[in-house]
Amino acid sequence: MNQPQPVGILGPDEFRRIREIFESAIELAPADRERFIDQSSGGDRRLIAEVQRMLSGDAEGTILLDGGAAGRFQEGRIFAGHFRFGTLLGRGGMGEVYRAHDVQLHRDVALKMLPRSFAFARDRVERFKREAQVLASLNHPNIAGIHGLEESDGVYALVLELVEGPTLADRLAGGPIRVEEALSIARQIAVALQAAHERGIVHRDLKPANLKAPDEGPLKVLDFGLAKLNDEPGATDSSSASPKLPTNAPSPAMSADGGILGTPAYMSPEQALGKGVDKRTDIWAFGCVLFEMLTGTRAFAGADVKDTLESVLQSQPSFENLPSSVPPAARTLLQRCLEKDRTRRVADAATLVYVLDQAASLAPPSAVRDRDRRWMLAAVAAGILACGLLWSRWPSPSRAPIVRFALSKFDGQLMIMARIVIAVSPDGSRLVYHSNGRAFLRELSELDARPLLSSGTFVSQTAFSPDGRSLAAWFGEYGGIKRMEISGGAPVPVCRSDNVLGMTWDQSGILIGQGAKGIVRCPANGRGAPQQLATVEAGEEADGPQILPDGNTLLFTIAKTAEGPSRWDTARVVVQSLESRERKTVFEGGSAARYIPTGHLLYVRGGVLFAVPFDVSRGRMSGQAVAVVQGVRRTAEGFSGGAQFAVSNNGHLFYIPGPVTAGTSERTIALSDRAGVVTRLPIPPGPYVYTRASRDGTRLAVGTDDGKEAAVWICRLPEKSALQRLTMEGRNRYPIWSPDGTRVAFQSDRGGEKAIYVQRVDGTGRAERLAGAQDGGSLIPESWSPDRRWILLSQEKGSEFTLWTLSVQDGRLRPLDVRSQRMIGATFSPDGRWIAYSLSGGNDRPLVSPDRGVFAQPFPPTGAIYQAPKMLIDFHPVWSPDGRELMYVPGAALVQLATVRVTAHDGLTFGAPVTSPFRITANRLNTQARAYDVLPDGRFVGLIDSSEPEGPPAYSASEIRVVLNWFEELKARVQPGRP
């Protein structure tokens, strides 16, 4: 069909609408698209024409760059929702560069497109992403900047500063450049190299075509696509592939696909030989460029690549062709830049700048020759002043560019567990992240991070001090907050706090969210008792405290514990006066609220970061909320209301990407052997949160909770049968099996209280209420005794759990002398003689302490208690089917299962723990019911994240995304108005 033509001029809002319609229409059958487009666009012919044009391009393969063919991106087409293509600016091995217009930010840019055919070539994509990171780390008037890295439908694009004017190659096509101007251009190149080298970056492809030399304005260095970081491993850039050259010819550095890394005429000898390169490679290329500017010919030339490389290695430039007006200092500098032995070559770009400054000032006019020394010294001073004046006239950007890139070089995986795992300093120069229970500090000016503490020190939930020189963190072995200096030194205790749900450090002290215990403030110096700033009602928990700029208003989030993992998406964000204690709700439906200097309130709901204008003086919103980032990680299983993002005071955004979902993500039910090999069951993914196997291993009881309803389901193993819903009334959680497999007990709120019910799994008969909580609270079933007489259950009241027995026959409750600050997770041994459980002490006890962990005792109780070998936190115990082993999870951040042999003779004795891989990681952390079980054949059944069935742990992440100068974009997108 004919290609629809663009109609009129469309604004940013219309482009967003076009993109939404297009992305929905592309999923429909062609016959259904026209009606859908017409209905979705409200009959707007301009929108209809633009969507149809995009669909036509998709069908023809022209909407996406493919193979670098010319004309693939036609003028007027849209990329990534808001970039309108203009003319083709250039083409190379890594794709094409186009002029484009950003219709959101109303500016012209250059789009460097990576062909779609390279999308699955890992080395090409990584090289492309690395170029983005390299450019993002450089902010210099002589280096073309980057605005971001975009990806759409498999096509990657660098959004670059559009630099107008000719390249140096264009200018050299007309012959050599005047000496004075050539030295000025050379100085600007040297200054740019100095800036890059100071950041550890080697360009590796410096040449006239990568230098923009406009008649007015500063020179710009382009194309860092082959840039190398000085500390990258390996002494060579060559791959196993080598070019097809004679055996006596050099083997230049090669890319993974056999392409030469660099341009032969400007490659250094070491680069041509495939040896390791450093900044002296750029010094060589600088010399080649300077020689070409002065003479109009290349320093090293040949009929083909082979001849050119041989010239680089064996020939000398014709220095006699240099104009006689070239100052001696510049002539000597040029010769030293082109030394084949790099130990004799100029070693630093700073030397280039210094010598060129002097050379420019000493360059004699053609009619003047030697003068006396006094004139020379005067000229030097005049030249230095002239260079300073030139620098001062260089334009500075009207505003800092918005730059996007990702950090992915971590020591292991970022474990997204109970608390926030990233923090940024107020000035945005330092990032702290948590990986495998350790804290690492990364200066953004550096390429590597360093551990803040010795191995084995478990910390989480970090906050920077107002001056950025110190950190506060929750220390597991201490069971509270300690502070430490960035420069080093031993951590200093601040206060005890077992349940940290959000923490900030301001001039008044360290603010801590403590769930059911409200909000407290601890003196940062550790001298003095914590001050209670806010309390919450029974059944509520507080998170994410922040004192607003007026110094008297406390901002935080309140959620209802009963609403499960998704409670933070229905939570209330409130403000409270520290003086009057008056509290009012700002809005409902989100958490992780944070006020930022732009006058906006940020918060997260369903994995989406929102921003809304906020009036601090009135404590209310002053505009409409806008979704600003799609896909921000929450804490695992809704443990807290926190979200994995941080914002510096000067406008840099850091976040860990995640799914756009509610607090509970989609999971798959899976089996795992002791080697950690996972096999998914043929059951559709869902919001599963618990699994329990019947004693004979033929059936599963599965709990689901999507935040709206919680239900218990039954399925058979190993047949491919569908789940059958067992419970219909109320919210039903924590299923456990009767020993004979005919009934399931569970918690239900159908009668207005969280009581224990039992129901037959064949669906006959109604659910029977067995018991309700004593003096309020809620009951949680834990385990059913093999003789069918007793059910172990926990009673949750306030912030404490107590263990009870329930008589199945008469419904009587009897307390056991077991108390814990977290869920107990009790389980009967297969013979019914023992019970195992996990304990967690109060806020005055360290997390890793002798009285926390997994314990066992006789049943009925005799007073004897035995502790399983201590690993770390230790929770979720379960007996092996034969009762000879006890298994438990050492820590929430460890993808391991500990197994100990158990001998019952005059008490219990335990063998040494043996750890094994345990990728069924959705185990609900140590504050929720155990979500895995063991089958009679020794395999485990549990839950895994549906998107990562056999890969990294479900609660891990591999990158942190960074948006520098994000406030500029935020202010443009989210403006005050009527709420």
Foldseek 3Di string as FASTA:
>chain_A
DDQQDADDDDALVLLQLLVVLLVVLVPDDPVPNLVSQCVSVVNPVNSSSLSSNCVVLVVVVLLAAAPQDPPSQPAQHDDPRFWGWDAWDDADPQHTKTWTAGRQVGDIWIKGKGHLVCLPVVLSVVLVQVVQLLLCLFDDQQAWHWQEWDDDPSMIITTTHDDDADFQVVVLVVPADDQLVLLVLLLSVLVRLQRSVLLQKAQQADDRRQWGDHPDFHIYGHDSSLIDGNPDDDFFQADPDFDPDPPVFATAHADPVGHHRYDLLQFALCRRNRGHDGNLRVLSSSLQRSVCNQQSDGQFDDPDSRRRSCCNVPNGGPLVSGDPQQAPLVSVLSRLSSDNPSVSHDDGSVVSNVSSLLRSLQRDPPVDDDDDPVVSVVSSVVSVVVVVVVVVPHDDDPDDRKGWHWDFDDDAFQFQAQAAAWEAAQVRQWIWGAHLQWIWIDGSSHNDIHTQDDPPWGWGQKEAANVRQKIWIQTQQQQDIWMAGPVDDDTHDWDFANAFAAWYHYPVAIWTWRFQAGIWGTHNVNPDDIHHQDHDDWQKGKHHWDQDPVNFKIWTKIFGNVLWQLRQQQIFIKIAGSVPRDIDTQDGGFGQWDQAPVQWIWTDHQQFIKIFHADPVVGYTQADIDGDDHFFADRARNSHRHTHWYAHNLGKIKTFGHHSGGRFAWWFKWWAFQQGDIDTALEDTASWQAWEAALQRFKIWIWHRRSPAIFIWMDTPPDNDYTHTADDAAHWDAWEAQNVRQKIWIFGCRVPAGFIWMDGPVNPDDIHTQDADDPGAHKHWAEAANVRQWTWIWGDTRQKIFIWIAGSVRSDIDGDPAMASADWRWYAFLNRFKIKTFHHDDSSGRQQDPNTEMKMATPVHPPDIGGEDQDGNYGNWDAQSVRQKIKTDNALSDQKIWIWGWDDDPHIDTHDIDIHGHQLNSQVGRRDHGRKYAHNVGMIIGIARPVCRRHDRRSTGRIMMMIPNNVVVVCSPHDGHHD
